[in-house]
Amino acid sequence: MPTRPNTGGTTAPCHDVGVVVRLATRADIPQLVELMHEFYAESSFPLDPEWARRAFAGLIDQPVYGAVWIIEDDGAAIGHVVLSVRFAMEFGGLSGHIDDLFVRPPHRRQGAARAGLDALLSECRRRGCRSLHVEVGPNNHAAKALYRRYGLVPGQDQREALRTELPATAAATAGADSEPSQQRNDDRAREDTGP
């Protein structure tokens, strides 16, 4: 039986033979930017490759804020998953959110997304996260079904997630400039920000 993905620097087979999930390094940033470009293109959202490069570098260099994994099939990058972590008063501890989950279309519904989520959940458990969040568009039924299998369901309290862009500062923790987000398509997976 295939083994579960791990969060270490080595690859681990999972779900389908040939599929591995491994922590991304700086050397993976060009592939990550390419994957993110494809992800954004599905929602007709332009991507500034330099901004994406800096964002990935910031998270890879500062793992206290989360982690990035590459999903590969027979050595070729077929997707990625991004975990961001924050402290949430509501849960009295760390809260993870699935910031990005993307699998190239020819590889969907074959276990690659589950493998990526397994790695992400394993890391959340290792960190002691008390909750996990994701934002999903109302018509993204495939993503909603996948997330439901992991226990991610809509909140029962009618709260709405509100947000604003803040200007970048020299002390920006992610190491990336801000990019406007109002154009993002609702079908993209993003964080439910809580209370």
Foldseek 3Di string as FASTA:
>chain_A
DFDAAAADQDWGGDQDPQKTKYFDALVCLVVVLVQVCVVQVVLPHHDDSVLSSQLQNLCRVPVVQWTKMFIGGNRHTFWIWTKGWDADPVQRGIEIETAATDGHVVCPPRCRSVSRVRNRVVVCVVRVHRYYFKAAAPPLVVVQVVVVVVVHDDDDPPDAADDDDDADDPVDSSRGGDDDDPSGDSHGMHGRPDD
